[in-house]
Amino acid sequence: RIEFKEGIYTRRVLYLEIRGQGAIPLTRTDENLTPREIEQKAAALAYFLRVPIEVF
């Protein structure tokens, strides 16, 4: 899951969601990543873990 907080300080956070365990943030809140960089990180992690990326 990718969460966007818009406002004076834009924040984007990439989360790993585990069924029954909740969401784990994978990026630091002080990292100001572009949507493209977040997408690349998510794809690399999914490839490493051999799990699909789900789009909602």
PDB file of N, CA and C in Angstrom:
ATOM      1  N   ARG A   1       0.856  -1.163   0.000  1.00  0.00           N
ATOM      2  CA  ARG A   1       0.000   0.000   0.000  1.00  0.00           C
ATOM      3  C   ARG A   1       0.902   1.225   0.000  1.00  0.00           C
ATOM      4  N   ILE A   2       0.527   2.202  -0.765  1.00  0.00           N
ATOM      5  CA  ILE A   2       1.238   3.472  -0.792  1.00  0.00           C
ATOM      6  C   ILE A   2       0.289   4.532  -0.261  1.00  0.00           C
ATOM      7  N   GLU A   3       0.759   5.295   0.703  1.00  0.00           N
ATOM      8  CA  GLU A   3      -0.069   6.336   1.310  1.00  0.00           C
ATOM      9  C   GLU A   3       0.524   7.702   0.978  1.00  0.00           C
ATOM     10  N   PHE A   4      -0.337   8.603   0.528  1.00  0.00           N
ATOM     11  CA  PHE A   4       0.078   9.962   0.204  1.00  0.00           C
ATOM     12  C   PHE A   4      -0.580  10.924   1.175  1.00  0.00           C
ATOM     13  N   LYS A   5       0.202  11.783   1.783  1.00  0.00           N
ATOM     14  CA  LYS A   5      -0.315  12.853   2.642  1.00  0.00           C
ATOM     15  C   LYS A   5       0.040  14.165   1.961  1.00  0.00           C
ATOM     16  N   GLU A   6      -0.959  14.870   1.490  1.00  0.00           N
ATOM     17  CA  GLU A   6      -0.730  16.140   0.800  1.00  0.00           C
ATOM     18  C   GLU A   6      -0.895  17.293   1.774  1.00  0.00           C
ATOM     19  N   GLY A   7      -0.236  18.361   1.508  1.00  0.00           N
ATOM     20  CA  GLY A   7      -0.311  19.546   2.354  1.00  0.00           C
ATOM     21  C   GLY A   7       0.956  20.357   2.194  1.00  0.00           C
ATOM     22  N   ILE A   8       1.307  21.092   3.233  1.00  0.00           N
ATOM     23  CA  ILE A   8       2.534  21.886   3.183  1.00  0.00           C
ATOM     24  C   ILE A   8       3.735  20.967   2.984  1.00  0.00           C
ATOM     25  N   TYR A   9       3.768  19.877   3.725  1.00  0.00           N
ATOM     26  CA  TYR A   9       4.837  18.895   3.598  1.00  0.00           C
ATOM     27  C   TYR A   9       4.232  17.605   3.055  1.00  0.00           C
ATOM     28  N   THR A  10       4.496  17.317   1.801  1.00  0.00           N
ATOM     29  CA  THR A  10       3.980  16.102   1.183  1.00  0.00           C
ATOM     30  C   THR A  10       4.766  14.910   1.709  1.00  0.00           C
ATOM     31  N   ARG A  11       4.047  13.851   2.038  1.00  0.00           N
ATOM     32  CA  ARG A  11       4.689  12.653   2.556  1.00  0.00           C
ATOM     33  C   ARG A  11       4.141  11.442   1.821  1.00  0.00           C
ATOM     34  N   ARG A  12       5.031  10.581   1.378  1.00  0.00           N
ATOM     35  CA  ARG A  12       4.637   9.342   0.719  1.00  0.00           C
ATOM     36  C   ARG A  12       5.291   8.190   1.470  1.00  0.00           C
ATOM     37  N   VAL A  13       4.491   7.209   1.837  1.00  0.00           N
ATOM     38  CA  VAL A  13       5.014   6.078   2.599  1.00  0.00           C
ATOM     39  C   VAL A  13       4.573   4.787   1.926  1.00  0.00           C
ATOM     40  N   LEU A  14       5.508   3.864   1.765  1.00  0.00           N
ATOM     41  CA  LEU A  14       5.234   2.542   1.216  1.00  0.00           C
ATOM     42  C   LEU A  14       5.068   1.577   2.382  1.00  0.00           C
ATOM     43  N   TYR A  15       3.958   0.829   2.392  1.00  0.00           N
ATOM     44  CA  TYR A  15       3.671  -0.122   3.463  1.00  0.00           C
ATOM     45  C   TYR A  15       3.614  -1.537   2.907  1.00  0.00           C
ATOM     46  N   LEU A  16       4.023  -2.491   3.717  1.00  0.00           N
ATOM     47  CA  LEU A  16       3.837  -3.905   3.428  1.00  0.00           C
ATOM     48  C   LEU A  16       2.684  -4.362   4.304  1.00  0.00           C
ATOM     49  N   GLU A  17       1.625  -4.873   3.684  1.00  0.00           N
ATOM     50  CA  GLU A  17       0.474  -5.348   4.457  1.00  0.00           C
ATOM     51  C   GLU A  17       0.510  -6.864   4.533  1.00  0.00           C
ATOM     52  N   ILE A  18       0.406  -7.369   5.756  1.00  0.00           N
ATOM     53  CA  ILE A  18       0.404  -8.805   5.999  1.00  0.00           C
ATOM     54  C   ILE A  18      -0.948  -9.164   6.589  1.00  0.00           C
ATOM     55  N   ARG A  19      -1.592 -10.148   5.995  1.00  0.00           N
ATOM     56  CA  ARG A  19      -2.920 -10.544   6.471  1.00  0.00           C
ATOM     57  C   ARG A  19      -2.873 -10.910   7.948  1.00  0.00           C
ATOM     58  N   GLY A  20      -3.748 -10.302   8.714  1.00  0.00           N
ATOM     59  CA  GLY A  20      -3.836 -10.585  10.135  1.00  0.00           C
ATOM     60  C   GLY A  20      -2.782  -9.900  10.987  1.00  0.00           C
ATOM     61  N   GLN A  21      -1.830  -9.207  10.372  1.00  0.00           N
ATOM     62  CA  GLN A  21      -0.749  -8.573  11.126  1.00  0.00           C
ATOM     63  C   GLN A  21      -0.724  -7.056  10.994  1.00  0.00           C
ATOM     64  N   GLY A  22      -1.461  -6.504  10.050  1.00  0.00           N
ATOM     65  CA  GLY A  22      -1.462  -5.056   9.861  1.00  0.00           C
ATOM     66  C   GLY A  22      -0.444  -4.611   8.827  1.00  0.00           C
ATOM     67  N   ALA A  23      -0.132  -3.328   8.851  1.00  0.00           N
ATOM     68  CA  ALA A  23       0.763  -2.735   7.859  1.00  0.00           C
ATOM     69  C   ALA A  23       2.088  -2.342   8.506  1.00  0.00           C
ATOM     70  N   ILE A  24       3.176  -2.587   7.777  1.00  0.00           N
ATOM     71  CA  ILE A  24       4.518  -2.244   8.237  1.00  0.00           C
ATOM     72  C   ILE A  24       5.077  -1.183   7.297  1.00  0.00           C
ATOM     73  N   PRO A  25       5.457  -0.006   7.808  1.00  0.00           N
ATOM     74  CA  PRO A  25       6.037   1.012   6.922  1.00  0.00           C
ATOM     75  C   PRO A  25       7.422   0.580   6.450  1.00  0.00           C
ATOM     76  N   LEU A  26       7.683   0.723   5.153  1.00  0.00           N
ATOM     77  CA  LEU A  26       8.963   0.315   4.580  1.00  0.00           C
ATOM     78  C   LEU A  26       9.855   1.490   4.213  1.00  0.00           C
ATOM     79  N   THR A  27       9.311   2.686   4.192  1.00  0.00           N
ATOM     80  CA  THR A  27      10.122   3.864   3.892  1.00  0.00           C
ATOM     81  C   THR A  27      10.078   4.798   5.089  1.00  0.00           C
ATOM     82  N   ARG A  28      11.159   5.511   5.292  1.00  0.00           N
ATOM     83  CA  ARG A  28      11.202   6.482   6.392  1.00  0.00           C
ATOM     84  C   ARG A  28      10.329   7.673   6.033  1.00  0.00           C
ATOM     85  N   THR A  29       9.784   8.303   7.040  1.00  0.00           N
ATOM     86  CA  THR A  29       8.919   9.453   6.791  1.00  0.00           C
ATOM     87  C   THR A  29       9.709  10.658   6.308  1.00  0.00           C
ATOM     88  N   ASP A  30      11.014  10.692   6.564  1.00  0.00           N
ATOM     89  CA  ASP A  30      11.818  11.818   6.099  1.00  0.00           C
ATOM     90  C   ASP A  30      12.328  11.629   4.673  1.00  0.00           C
ATOM     91  N   GLU A  31      12.113  10.450   4.091  1.00  0.00           N
ATOM     92  CA  GLU A  31      12.487  10.218   2.698  1.00  0.00           C
ATOM     93  C   GLU A  31      11.427  10.853   1.810  1.00  0.00           C
ATOM     94  N   ASN A  32      11.823  11.757   0.956  1.00  0.00           N
ATOM     95  CA  ASN A  32      10.870  12.401   0.058  1.00  0.00           C
ATOM     96  C   ASN A  32      11.003  11.757  -1.321  1.00  0.00           C
ATOM     97  N   LEU A  33      10.403  10.591  -1.470  1.00  0.00           N
ATOM     98  CA  LEU A  33      10.498   9.838  -2.715  1.00  0.00           C
ATOM     99  C   LEU A  33       9.420  10.272  -3.696  1.00  0.00           C
ATOM    100  N   THR A  34       9.759  10.201  -4.965  1.00  0.00           N
ATOM    101  CA  THR A  34       8.768  10.472  -6.000  1.00  0.00           C
ATOM    102  C   THR A  34       7.889   9.232  -6.151  1.00  0.00           C
ATOM    103  N   PRO A  35       6.696   9.381  -6.729  1.00  0.00           N
ATOM    104  CA  PRO A  35       5.852   8.197  -6.962  1.00  0.00           C
ATOM    105  C   PRO A  35       6.575   7.129  -7.787  1.00  0.00           C
ATOM    106  N   ARG A  36       7.392   7.536  -8.734  1.00  0.00           N
ATOM    107  CA  ARG A  36       8.149   6.588  -9.565  1.00  0.00           C
ATOM    108  C   ARG A  36       9.151   5.799  -8.718  1.00  0.00           C
ATOM    109  N   GLU A  37       9.842   6.476  -7.802  1.00  0.00           N
ATOM    110  CA  GLU A  37      10.810   5.805  -6.931  1.00  0.00           C
ATOM    111  C   GLU A  37      10.115   4.818  -5.995  1.00  0.00           C
ATOM    112  N   ILE A  38       8.956   5.197  -5.492  1.00  0.00           N
ATOM    113  CA  ILE A  38       8.193   4.292  -4.626  1.00  0.00           C
ATOM    114  C   ILE A  38       7.749   3.065  -5.414  1.00  0.00           C
ATOM    115  N   GLU A  39       7.295   3.283  -6.638  1.00  0.00           N
ATOM    116  CA  GLU A  39       6.880   2.171  -7.494  1.00  0.00           C
ATOM    117  C   GLU A  39       8.049   1.223  -7.744  1.00  0.00           C
ATOM    118  N   GLN A  40       9.222   1.762  -8.001  1.00  0.00           N
ATOM    119  CA  GLN A  40      10.400   0.932  -8.245  1.00  0.00           C
ATOM    120  C   GLN A  40      10.789   0.141  -7.000  1.00  0.00           C
ATOM    121  N   LYS A  41      10.716   0.768  -5.830  1.00  0.00           N
ATOM    122  CA  LYS A  41      11.026   0.061  -4.583  1.00  0.00           C
ATOM    123  C   LYS A  41      10.027  -1.068  -4.336  1.00  0.00           C
ATOM    124  N   ALA A  42       8.751  -0.799  -4.578  1.00  0.00           N
ATOM    125  CA  ALA A  42       7.717  -1.818  -4.381  1.00  0.00           C
ATOM    126  C   ALA A  42       7.926  -2.988  -5.334  1.00  0.00           C
ATOM    127  N   ALA A  43       8.246  -2.700  -6.588  1.00  0.00           N
ATOM    128  CA  ALA A  43       8.467  -3.760  -7.574  1.00  0.00           C
ATOM    129  C   ALA A  43       9.691  -4.598  -7.213  1.00  0.00           C
ATOM    130  N   ALA A  44      10.761  -3.956  -6.773  1.00  0.00           N
ATOM    131  CA  ALA A  44      11.972  -4.683  -6.396  1.00  0.00           C
ATOM    132  C   ALA A  44      11.718  -5.578  -5.184  1.00  0.00           C
ATOM    133  N   LEU A  45      10.977  -5.069  -4.214  1.00  0.00           N
ATOM    134  CA  LEU A  45      10.667  -5.860  -3.025  1.00  0.00           C
ATOM    135  C   LEU A  45       9.771  -7.045  -3.370  1.00  0.00           C
ATOM    136  N   ALA A  46       8.756  -6.819  -4.193  1.00  0.00           N
ATOM    137  CA  ALA A  46       7.857  -7.901  -4.604  1.00  0.00           C
ATOM    138  C   ALA A  46       8.624  -8.981  -5.365  1.00  0.00           C
ATOM    139  N   TYR A  47       9.554  -8.561  -6.211  1.00  0.00           N
ATOM    140  CA  TYR A  47      10.377  -9.519  -6.961  1.00  0.00           C
ATOM    141  C   TYR A  47      11.240 -10.334  -5.995  1.00  0.00           C
ATOM    142  N   PHE A  48      11.868  -9.662  -5.037  1.00  0.00           N
ATOM    143  CA  PHE A  48      12.725 -10.334  -4.060  1.00  0.00           C
ATOM    144  C   PHE A  48      11.929 -11.336  -3.225  1.00  0.00           C
ATOM    145  N   LEU A  49      10.736 -10.938  -2.782  1.00  0.00           N
ATOM    146  CA  LEU A  49       9.904 -11.808  -1.949  1.00  0.00           C
ATOM    147  C   LEU A  49       9.110 -12.827  -2.760  1.00  0.00           C
ATOM    148  N   ARG A  50       9.130 -12.665  -4.075  1.00  0.00           N
ATOM    149  CA  ARG A  50       8.372 -13.539  -4.988  1.00  0.00           C
ATOM    150  C   ARG A  50       6.886 -13.543  -4.660  1.00  0.00           C
ATOM    151  N   VAL A  51       6.361 -12.325  -4.500  1.00  0.00           N
ATOM    152  CA  VAL A  51       4.933 -12.145  -4.254  1.00  0.00           C
ATOM    153  C   VAL A  51       4.389 -11.158  -5.275  1.00  0.00           C
ATOM    154  N   PRO A  52       3.106 -11.266  -5.611  1.00  0.00           N
ATOM    155  CA  PRO A  52       2.535 -10.319  -6.573  1.00  0.00           C
ATOM    156  C   PRO A  52       2.248  -8.970  -5.925  1.00  0.00           C
ATOM    157  N   ILE A  53       2.216  -7.954  -6.761  1.00  0.00           N
ATOM    158  CA  ILE A  53       1.783  -6.634  -6.319  1.00  0.00           C
ATOM    159  C   ILE A  53       0.293  -6.556  -6.591  1.00  0.00           C
ATOM    160  N   GLU A  54      -0.486  -6.204  -5.578  1.00  0.00           N
ATOM    161  CA  GLU A  54      -1.928  -6.077  -5.746  1.00  0.00           C
ATOM    162  C   GLU A  54      -2.297  -4.612  -5.862  1.00  0.00           C
ATOM    163  N   VAL A  55      -3.131  -4.301  -6.836  1.00  0.00           N
ATOM    164  CA  VAL A  55      -3.598  -2.933  -7.039  1.00  0.00           C
ATOM    165  C   VAL A  55      -5.072  -2.886  -6.672  1.00  0.00           C
ATOM    166  N   PHE A  56      -5.452  -1.935  -5.827  1.00  0.00           N
ATOM    167  CA  PHE A  56      -6.839  -1.814  -5.374  1.00  0.00           C
ATOM    168  C   PHE A  56      -7.478  -0.618  -5.998  1.00  0.00           C
TER     169      PHE A  56
END
